[in-house]
Amino acid sequence: MGKYSFNPVNSFISLVVGWFFMAFLQAAVRSLAAGDWKGLVPRFQATALLHDGKSAAINLAAIVVIGIVGTGIWLLARRS
C-alpha cells in the first residue's frame, strides 16, 4: 500500500457523513420493525441531532466498533 498521510478535515467530514448515514439506517430499521413509515423522518432527526440518547449511544458504539475493526483490517493489509 502507498504512503498514507492523515488529514483531520477529511476524517471529520467522513465521521459526520457516517453519523448521518448510521442515523438514517437505524431510523429505517426501526420504522420497518414498527411498521410506521411516517415516523422515519422524526426518528432520523431525533437520532442524528442527539435528541434520542439511546439511539445516539447505539450509533456511537457502532461507529467505534467499525472504526476499530476497519483500522485493524487496514493495518493488516498495510503490513502485506
Protein backbone atom coordinates (compact mmCIF):
# COMPACT_ATOMS: atom_id res chain seq x y z
CA MET A 1 0.00 0.00 0.00
CA GLY A 2 1.13 3.54 -0.63
CA LYS A 3 2.12 6.09 1.94
CA TYR A 4 -0.81 7.42 3.98
CA SER A 5 -0.99 10.94 5.35
CA PHE A 6 -3.65 11.79 7.94
CA ASN A 7 -5.97 14.67 7.06
CA PRO A 8 -8.15 15.74 10.01
CA VAL A 9 -10.63 17.68 7.84
CA ASN A 10 -11.36 14.66 5.65
CA SER A 11 -11.64 12.47 8.74
CA PHE A 12 -14.11 14.85 10.36
CA ILE A 13 -16.24 15.11 7.22
CA SER A 14 -16.27 11.33 6.87
CA LEU A 15 -17.30 10.97 10.51
CA VAL A 16 -20.19 13.42 10.11
CA VAL A 17 -21.42 11.77 6.91
CA GLY A 18 -21.13 8.36 8.59
CA TRP A 19 -23.06 9.60 11.61
CA PHE A 20 -25.98 10.79 9.48
CA PHE A 21 -25.90 7.61 7.39
CA MET A 22 -25.98 5.43 10.52
CA ALA A 23 -28.82 7.54 11.95
CA PHE A 24 -30.82 7.08 8.75
CA LEU A 25 -30.20 3.33 8.67
CA GLN A 26 -31.23 2.98 12.29
CA ALA A 27 -34.39 5.04 11.72
CA ALA A 28 -35.25 2.94 8.66
CA VAL A 29 -34.85 -0.32 10.57
CA ARG A 30 -36.90 0.97 13.49
CA SER A 31 -39.62 2.19 11.11
CA LEU A 32 -39.64 -1.14 9.31
CA ALA A 33 -39.91 -3.03 12.60
CA ALA A 34 -42.71 -0.79 13.86
CA GLY A 35 -44.50 -0.66 10.50
CA ASP A 36 -44.69 3.11 10.83
CA TRP A 37 -43.03 4.73 7.80
CA LYS A 38 -44.48 8.12 8.73
CA GLY A 39 -42.15 8.09 11.73
CA LEU A 40 -38.99 7.70 9.60
CA VAL A 41 -38.05 11.39 9.42
CA PRO A 42 -38.76 12.20 13.10
CA ARG A 43 -36.77 9.14 14.19
CA PHE A 44 -33.91 10.12 11.90
CA GLN A 45 -33.87 13.68 13.21
CA ALA A 46 -34.03 12.55 16.84
CA THR A 47 -31.07 10.23 16.38
CA ALA A 48 -28.96 12.43 14.10
CA LEU A 49 -29.40 15.54 16.23
CA LEU A 50 -28.77 13.67 19.52
CA HIS A 51 -32.30 14.09 20.92
CA ASP A 52 -32.73 10.34 21.45
CA GLY A 53 -29.93 9.34 23.79
CA LYS A 54 -30.30 5.55 23.45
CA SER A 55 -30.22 5.65 19.65
CA ALA A 56 -27.27 8.02 19.65
CA ALA A 57 -25.38 5.73 22.04
CA ILE A 58 -26.05 2.72 19.80
CA ASN A 59 -24.77 4.64 16.76
CA LEU A 60 -21.71 5.86 18.63
CA ALA A 61 -20.89 2.31 19.75
CA ALA A 62 -21.36 1.01 16.19
CA ILE A 63 -19.07 3.71 14.75
CA VAL A 64 -16.40 2.97 17.36
CA VAL A 65 -16.53 -0.78 16.66
CA ILE A 66 -16.47 -0.24 12.89
CA GLY A 67 -13.56 2.18 13.33
CA ILE A 68 -11.56 -0.28 15.42
CA VAL A 69 -12.23 -3.23 13.12
CA GLY A 70 -11.63 -1.16 9.99
CA THR A 71 -8.36 0.21 11.35
CA GLY A 72 -7.24 -3.29 12.27
CA ILE A 73 -8.01 -4.58 8.78
CA TRP A 74 -6.22 -1.58 7.24
CA LEU A 75 -3.13 -2.16 9.37
CA LEU A 76 -3.08 -5.85 8.49
CA ALA A 77 -3.40 -5.02 4.79
CA ARG A 78 -0.64 -2.43 5.07
CA ARG A 79 1.77 -4.99 6.52
CA SER A 80 1.41 -7.19 3.46
